[in-house]
N, C-alpha and C. Protein backbone atom coordinates (compact mmCIF):
# COMPACT_ATOMS: atom_id res chain seq x y z
N MET A 1 -83.30 87.89 23.58
CA MET A 1 -82.41 88.85 23.00
C MET A 1 -83.21 89.88 22.15
N GLU A 2 -84.19 89.31 21.43
CA GLU A 2 -85.06 90.18 20.58
C GLU A 2 -85.78 91.21 21.41
N ASP A 3 -86.30 90.76 22.61
CA ASP A 3 -87.05 91.64 23.48
C ASP A 3 -86.14 92.82 23.93
N LYS A 4 -84.89 92.49 24.30
CA LYS A 4 -84.01 93.57 24.70
C LYS A 4 -83.73 94.55 23.60
N LEU A 5 -83.53 94.08 22.42
CA LEU A 5 -83.30 95.01 21.30
C LEU A 5 -84.51 95.87 21.03
N ARG A 6 -85.71 95.28 21.08
CA ARG A 6 -86.96 96.02 20.88
C ARG A 6 -87.07 97.12 22.00
N ASN A 7 -86.83 96.69 23.19
CA ASN A 7 -86.97 97.63 24.35
C ASN A 7 -85.95 98.72 24.21
N TRP A 8 -84.75 98.47 23.78
CA TRP A 8 -83.75 99.49 23.62
C TRP A 8 -84.19 100.45 22.49
N ARG A 9 -84.70 99.92 21.40
CA ARG A 9 -85.17 100.78 20.26
C ARG A 9 -86.31 101.68 20.77
N LEU A 10 -87.26 101.11 21.53
CA LEU A 10 -88.40 101.83 21.98
C LEU A 10 -87.94 102.95 22.97
N LEU A 11 -86.94 102.68 23.80
CA LEU A 11 -86.45 103.71 24.74
C LEU A 11 -85.80 104.88 23.94
N LYS A 12 -85.07 104.53 22.88
CA LYS A 12 -84.40 105.60 22.07
C LYS A 12 -85.51 106.42 21.43
N GLU A 13 -86.55 105.77 20.95
CA GLU A 13 -87.63 106.56 20.28
C GLU A 13 -88.39 107.40 21.34
N GLU A 14 -88.53 106.86 22.54
CA GLU A 14 -89.15 107.65 23.59
C GLU A 14 -88.35 108.86 23.96
N ASP A 15 -87.02 108.73 23.94
CA ASP A 15 -86.13 109.88 24.19
C ASP A 15 -86.47 111.03 23.21
N ILE A 16 -86.65 110.64 21.91
CA ILE A 16 -86.98 111.63 20.90
C ILE A 16 -88.33 112.24 21.23
N ILE A 17 -89.28 111.45 21.69
CA ILE A 17 -90.61 112.01 22.03
C ILE A 17 -90.51 113.01 23.18
N TRP A 18 -89.63 112.72 24.13
CA TRP A 18 -89.45 113.68 25.27
C TRP A 18 -88.87 114.98 24.76
N TYR A 19 -88.01 114.97 23.78
CA TYR A 19 -87.53 116.22 23.16
C TYR A 19 -88.66 116.98 22.47
N ILE A 20 -89.52 116.20 21.81
CA ILE A 20 -90.70 116.79 21.17
C ILE A 20 -91.60 117.40 22.17
N TYR A 21 -91.79 116.76 23.35
CA TYR A 21 -92.57 117.34 24.41
C TYR A 21 -92.01 118.67 24.95
N PHE A 22 -90.67 118.71 25.02
CA PHE A 22 -90.04 119.97 25.37
C PHE A 22 -90.39 121.05 24.32
N PHE A 23 -90.38 120.75 23.06
CA PHE A 23 -90.79 121.64 22.04
C PHE A 23 -92.25 122.06 22.21
N ILE A 24 -93.10 121.11 22.55
CA ILE A 24 -94.51 121.39 22.75
C ILE A 24 -94.72 122.33 23.91
N VAL A 25 -94.07 122.13 25.01
CA VAL A 25 -94.18 122.98 26.16
C VAL A 25 -93.69 124.40 25.84
N THR A 26 -92.60 124.50 25.17
CA THR A 26 -92.06 125.80 24.80
C THR A 26 -93.04 126.56 23.92
N PHE A 27 -93.57 125.91 22.88
CA PHE A 27 -94.48 126.60 22.00
C PHE A 27 -95.85 126.80 22.60
N ALA A 28 -96.26 125.98 23.54
CA ALA A 28 -97.52 126.20 24.26
C ALA A 28 -97.41 127.51 25.12
N LEU A 29 -96.25 127.70 25.71
CA LEU A 29 -96.00 128.95 26.39
C LEU A 29 -96.06 130.15 25.53
N ILE A 30 -95.54 130.03 24.31
CA ILE A 30 -95.57 131.09 23.32
C ILE A 30 -97.02 131.35 22.91
N ALA A 31 -97.78 130.28 22.65
CA ALA A 31 -99.18 130.45 22.32
C ALA A 31 -99.96 131.15 23.43
N ASN A 32 -99.67 130.78 24.69
CA ASN A 32 -100.31 131.45 25.82
C ASN A 32 -99.98 132.94 25.88
N SER A 33 -98.72 133.29 25.50
CA SER A 33 -98.41 134.73 25.50
C SER A 33 -99.15 135.47 24.39
N PHE A 34 -99.38 134.81 23.28
CA PHE A 34 -100.20 135.39 22.22
C PHE A 34 -101.65 135.61 22.71
N GLU A 35 -102.18 134.56 23.39
CA GLU A 35 -103.55 134.69 23.92
C GLU A 35 -103.62 135.82 24.98
N GLU A 36 -102.58 135.94 25.80
CA GLU A 36 -102.56 136.99 26.79
C GLU A 36 -102.55 138.38 26.10
N LYS A 37 -101.77 138.52 25.04
CA LYS A 37 -101.71 139.77 24.32
C LYS A 37 -103.06 140.06 23.62
N PHE A 38 -103.75 139.00 23.21
CA PHE A 38 -105.05 139.20 22.55
C PHE A 38 -106.00 139.75 23.65
N ILE A 39 -105.98 139.14 24.83
CA ILE A 39 -106.87 139.53 25.89
C ILE A 39 -106.62 141.04 26.26
N LYS A 40 -105.35 141.42 26.28
CA LYS A 40 -105.02 142.83 26.65
C LYS A 40 -105.37 143.80 25.54
N THR A 41 -105.10 143.39 24.28
CA THR A 41 -105.20 144.34 23.19
C THR A 41 -106.43 144.17 22.31
N ASN A 42 -107.05 143.02 22.36
CA ASN A 42 -108.18 142.62 21.52
C ASN A 42 -107.77 142.65 20.04
N ASN A 43 -106.50 142.48 19.80
CA ASN A 43 -105.91 142.33 18.40
C ASN A 43 -106.11 140.91 17.94
N LYS A 44 -106.93 140.69 16.88
CA LYS A 44 -107.23 139.35 16.37
C LYS A 44 -106.00 138.65 15.86
N GLN A 45 -104.94 139.38 15.46
CA GLN A 45 -103.73 138.71 14.87
C GLN A 45 -103.09 137.90 15.99
N TYR A 46 -103.09 138.42 17.21
CA TYR A 46 -102.53 137.66 18.32
C TYR A 46 -103.36 136.38 18.58
N GLN A 47 -104.65 136.52 18.49
CA GLN A 47 -105.51 135.38 18.72
C GLN A 47 -105.30 134.28 17.65
N GLN A 48 -105.22 134.71 16.42
CA GLN A 48 -105.00 133.79 15.32
C GLN A 48 -103.64 133.10 15.42
N ALA A 49 -102.63 133.85 15.81
CA ALA A 49 -101.27 133.26 15.92
C ALA A 49 -101.28 132.17 17.07
N GLY A 50 -101.87 132.50 18.15
CA GLY A 50 -101.93 131.52 19.25
C GLY A 50 -102.77 130.31 18.88
N ARG A 51 -103.83 130.55 18.14
CA ARG A 51 -104.70 129.45 17.74
C ARG A 51 -103.97 128.49 16.72
N LYS A 52 -103.21 129.08 15.82
CA LYS A 52 -102.46 128.29 14.85
C LYS A 52 -101.44 127.42 15.58
N ILE A 53 -100.78 128.03 16.54
CA ILE A 53 -99.78 127.26 17.29
C ILE A 53 -100.45 126.14 18.03
N ASN A 54 -101.56 126.40 18.67
CA ASN A 54 -102.30 125.41 19.44
C ASN A 54 -102.71 124.22 18.55
N ILE A 55 -103.22 124.54 17.39
CA ILE A 55 -103.64 123.47 16.49
C ILE A 55 -102.48 122.63 16.03
N THR A 56 -101.37 123.27 15.74
CA THR A 56 -100.13 122.58 15.32
C THR A 56 -99.71 121.66 16.45
N LEU A 57 -99.70 122.13 17.66
CA LEU A 57 -99.27 121.35 18.80
C LEU A 57 -100.22 120.15 19.03
N LEU A 58 -101.52 120.34 18.85
CA LEU A 58 -102.44 119.29 18.99
C LEU A 58 -102.24 118.23 17.92
N VAL A 59 -101.92 118.58 16.76
CA VAL A 59 -101.66 117.62 15.71
C VAL A 59 -100.40 116.87 15.99
N ILE A 60 -99.36 117.51 16.49
CA ILE A 60 -98.11 116.82 16.88
C ILE A 60 -98.44 115.81 17.97
N ALA A 61 -99.20 116.29 19.03
CA ALA A 61 -99.57 115.33 20.08
C ALA A 61 -100.31 114.15 19.61
N PHE A 62 -101.28 114.40 18.63
CA PHE A 62 -102.05 113.33 18.04
C PHE A 62 -101.20 112.31 17.38
N ILE A 63 -100.17 112.76 16.69
CA ILE A 63 -99.25 111.85 16.00
C ILE A 63 -98.48 110.99 17.04
N ILE A 64 -98.07 111.61 18.15
CA ILE A 64 -97.45 110.90 19.23
C ILE A 64 -98.40 109.84 19.77
N TYR A 65 -99.69 110.20 19.99
CA TYR A 65 -100.62 109.22 20.51
C TYR A 65 -100.83 108.12 19.54
N LEU A 66 -100.82 108.42 18.25
CA LEU A 66 -100.96 107.38 17.22
C LEU A 66 -99.76 106.43 17.26
N TYR A 67 -98.57 106.94 17.46
CA TYR A 67 -97.38 106.14 17.56
C TYR A 67 -97.56 105.17 18.80
N TYR A 68 -98.04 105.66 19.89
CA TYR A 68 -98.23 104.82 21.06
C TYR A 68 -99.29 103.74 20.86
N VAL A 69 -100.32 104.05 20.10
CA VAL A 69 -101.33 103.07 19.76
C VAL A 69 -100.67 101.96 18.88
N MET A 70 -99.82 102.34 17.92
CA MET A 70 -99.18 101.29 17.11
C MET A 70 -98.30 100.42 17.93
N ILE A 71 -97.55 101.03 18.89
CA ILE A 71 -96.75 100.20 19.79
C ILE A 71 -97.53 99.29 20.62
N ALA A 72 -98.70 99.77 21.11
CA ALA A 72 -99.63 98.99 21.97
C ALA A 72 -100.18 97.78 21.15
N ILE A 73 -100.55 98.06 19.91
CA ILE A 73 -101.02 96.95 19.05
C ILE A 73 -99.95 95.93 18.85
N GLU A 74 -98.73 96.40 18.63
CA GLU A 74 -97.61 95.50 18.50
C GLU A 74 -97.44 94.62 19.72
N ASP A 75 -97.59 95.27 20.92
CA ASP A 75 -97.40 94.56 22.16
C ASP A 75 -98.51 93.48 22.32
N VAL A 76 -99.77 93.80 21.98
CA VAL A 76 -100.83 92.85 22.02
C VAL A 76 -100.52 91.63 21.18
N ASN A 77 -100.01 91.90 19.93
CA ASN A 77 -99.65 90.79 19.03
C ASN A 77 -98.53 89.96 19.56
N ILE A 78 -97.53 90.59 20.15
CA ILE A 78 -96.36 89.90 20.70
C ILE A 78 -96.79 89.03 21.90
N ASN A 79 -97.64 89.55 22.73
CA ASN A 79 -98.00 88.90 24.00
C ASN A 79 -99.16 87.85 23.82
N LYS A 80 -99.62 87.61 22.61
CA LYS A 80 -100.69 86.66 22.44
C LYS A 80 -100.31 85.26 22.90
N THR A 81 -99.04 84.94 22.75
CA THR A 81 -98.55 83.63 23.11
C THR A 81 -97.99 83.55 24.55
N ARG A 82 -98.04 84.64 25.23
CA ARG A 82 -97.43 84.66 26.61
C ARG A 82 -98.56 84.46 27.64
N ASP A 83 -98.19 84.62 28.90
CA ASP A 83 -99.13 84.33 29.97
C ASP A 83 -100.29 85.36 29.96
N LEU A 84 -101.37 85.00 30.66
CA LEU A 84 -102.59 85.77 30.66
C LEU A 84 -102.36 87.17 31.27
N LYS A 85 -101.50 87.32 32.27
CA LYS A 85 -101.28 88.63 32.85
C LYS A 85 -100.68 89.62 31.81
N ARG A 86 -99.72 89.13 31.04
CA ARG A 86 -99.05 90.00 30.03
C ARG A 86 -100.10 90.33 28.97
N GLN A 87 -100.88 89.36 28.58
CA GLN A 87 -102.00 89.69 27.59
C GLN A 87 -102.94 90.71 28.06
N ARG A 88 -103.36 90.59 29.33
CA ARG A 88 -104.27 91.56 29.90
C ARG A 88 -103.65 92.95 30.01
N VAL A 89 -102.41 93.00 30.49
CA VAL A 89 -101.72 94.31 30.56
C VAL A 89 -101.58 94.93 29.21
N SER A 90 -101.23 94.14 28.20
CA SER A 90 -101.08 94.69 26.85
C SER A 90 -102.44 95.25 26.31
N MET A 91 -103.50 94.53 26.59
CA MET A 91 -104.81 95.01 26.19
C MET A 91 -105.19 96.32 26.91
N GLU A 92 -104.89 96.34 28.20
CA GLU A 92 -105.18 97.57 28.96
C GLU A 92 -104.40 98.75 28.40
N ARG A 93 -103.15 98.54 28.06
CA ARG A 93 -102.34 99.63 27.49
C ARG A 93 -102.92 100.08 26.14
N LEU A 94 -103.38 99.13 25.31
CA LEU A 94 -103.98 99.49 24.08
C LEU A 94 -105.21 100.31 24.27
N ILE A 95 -106.09 99.92 25.25
CA ILE A 95 -107.29 100.71 25.55
C ILE A 95 -106.94 102.11 25.99
N THR A 96 -105.97 102.20 26.89
CA THR A 96 -105.51 103.49 27.40
C THR A 96 -105.02 104.38 26.24
N THR A 97 -104.17 103.86 25.37
CA THR A 97 -103.65 104.68 24.32
C THR A 97 -104.75 105.06 23.33
N LEU A 98 -105.73 104.21 23.10
CA LEU A 98 -106.83 104.53 22.25
C LEU A 98 -107.70 105.66 22.84
N VAL A 99 -107.82 105.70 24.13
CA VAL A 99 -108.56 106.80 24.79
C VAL A 99 -107.81 108.11 24.58
N PHE A 100 -106.47 108.08 24.75
CA PHE A 100 -105.67 109.30 24.50
C PHE A 100 -105.79 109.76 23.03
N LEU A 101 -105.81 108.79 22.11
CA LEU A 101 -105.89 109.13 20.70
C LEU A 101 -107.27 109.79 20.41
N VAL A 102 -108.31 109.23 20.93
CA VAL A 102 -109.65 109.81 20.76
C VAL A 102 -109.73 111.17 21.37
N GLY A 103 -109.16 111.32 22.61
CA GLY A 103 -109.14 112.65 23.25
C GLY A 103 -108.35 113.68 22.42
N GLY A 104 -107.27 113.23 21.82
CA GLY A 104 -106.47 114.11 20.96
C GLY A 104 -107.28 114.56 19.72
N ALA A 105 -107.95 113.56 19.10
CA ALA A 105 -108.74 113.83 17.96
C ALA A 105 -109.91 114.88 18.26
N LEU A 106 -110.53 114.64 19.40
CA LEU A 106 -111.58 115.54 19.80
C LEU A 106 -111.08 116.92 20.14
N SER A 107 -109.89 117.02 20.71
CA SER A 107 -109.29 118.35 20.97
C SER A 107 -109.07 119.10 19.70
N ILE A 108 -108.51 118.35 18.72
CA ILE A 108 -108.23 118.99 17.40
C ILE A 108 -109.54 119.45 16.78
N TYR A 109 -110.57 118.61 16.83
CA TYR A 109 -111.85 118.96 16.23
C TYR A 109 -112.43 120.18 16.94
N THR A 110 -112.41 120.19 18.27
CA THR A 110 -112.94 121.34 19.04
C THR A 110 -112.24 122.58 18.66
N GLU A 111 -110.90 122.59 18.59
CA GLU A 111 -110.13 123.75 18.24
C GLU A 111 -110.49 124.28 16.86
N LEU A 112 -110.61 123.35 15.91
CA LEU A 112 -110.91 123.74 14.53
C LEU A 112 -112.38 124.20 14.39
N ASP A 113 -113.23 123.69 15.24
CA ASP A 113 -114.67 124.01 15.14
C ASP A 113 -115.05 125.30 15.86
N ASP A 114 -114.10 125.87 16.58
CA ASP A 114 -114.37 127.02 17.38
C ASP A 114 -114.39 128.27 16.49
N ASN A 115 -115.54 128.47 15.86
CA ASN A 115 -115.66 129.60 14.96
C ASN A 115 -115.60 130.98 15.67
N ALA A 116 -116.02 131.05 16.91
CA ALA A 116 -115.97 132.24 17.61
C ALA A 116 -114.61 132.67 18.02
N GLY A 117 -113.71 131.71 18.02
CA GLY A 117 -112.30 131.97 18.41
C GLY A 117 -112.11 132.33 19.92
N ASP A 118 -112.93 131.71 20.72
CA ASP A 118 -112.85 131.95 22.14
C ASP A 118 -111.48 131.55 22.65
N VAL A 119 -111.03 132.24 23.68
CA VAL A 119 -109.79 131.89 24.27
C VAL A 119 -109.93 130.60 25.03
N ASP A 120 -109.05 129.63 24.78
CA ASP A 120 -109.10 128.34 25.42
C ASP A 120 -107.84 128.28 26.29
N LEU A 121 -108.09 128.24 27.62
CA LEU A 121 -106.97 128.34 28.56
C LEU A 121 -106.26 127.00 28.82
N ALA A 122 -106.96 125.91 28.60
CA ALA A 122 -106.41 124.60 28.90
C ALA A 122 -106.79 123.61 27.81
N ILE A 123 -105.87 123.51 26.83
CA ILE A 123 -106.16 122.62 25.68
C ILE A 123 -105.55 121.20 25.83
N PHE A 124 -104.57 121.07 26.68
CA PHE A 124 -103.90 119.71 26.82
C PHE A 124 -104.40 119.08 28.01
């Protein structure tokens, strides 16, 4: 019964994350329109606006990745007493989420470290 309640709670939380992804997609399109305006006009204000949106979206994505790492760690702890296959799958999920977390952190670092302000067409 406890597993069902946990799974139900995780699904509800994942629903919220999907709404956040909708927000991310919407604002990523807005950031791209600013980048496009910058390319056409060479106005730095457009570039800075797009860059700020991108950094904000990357931080939000990083927080989502961090949430998934926490869930994966919880799964590893729960499955310690279960069969070897569940233990292995839990560990694989943890490794996968850690890779996404590191990728998110590197994306944020790269965006913040871009002193030249080059246009980045694919940040996600």
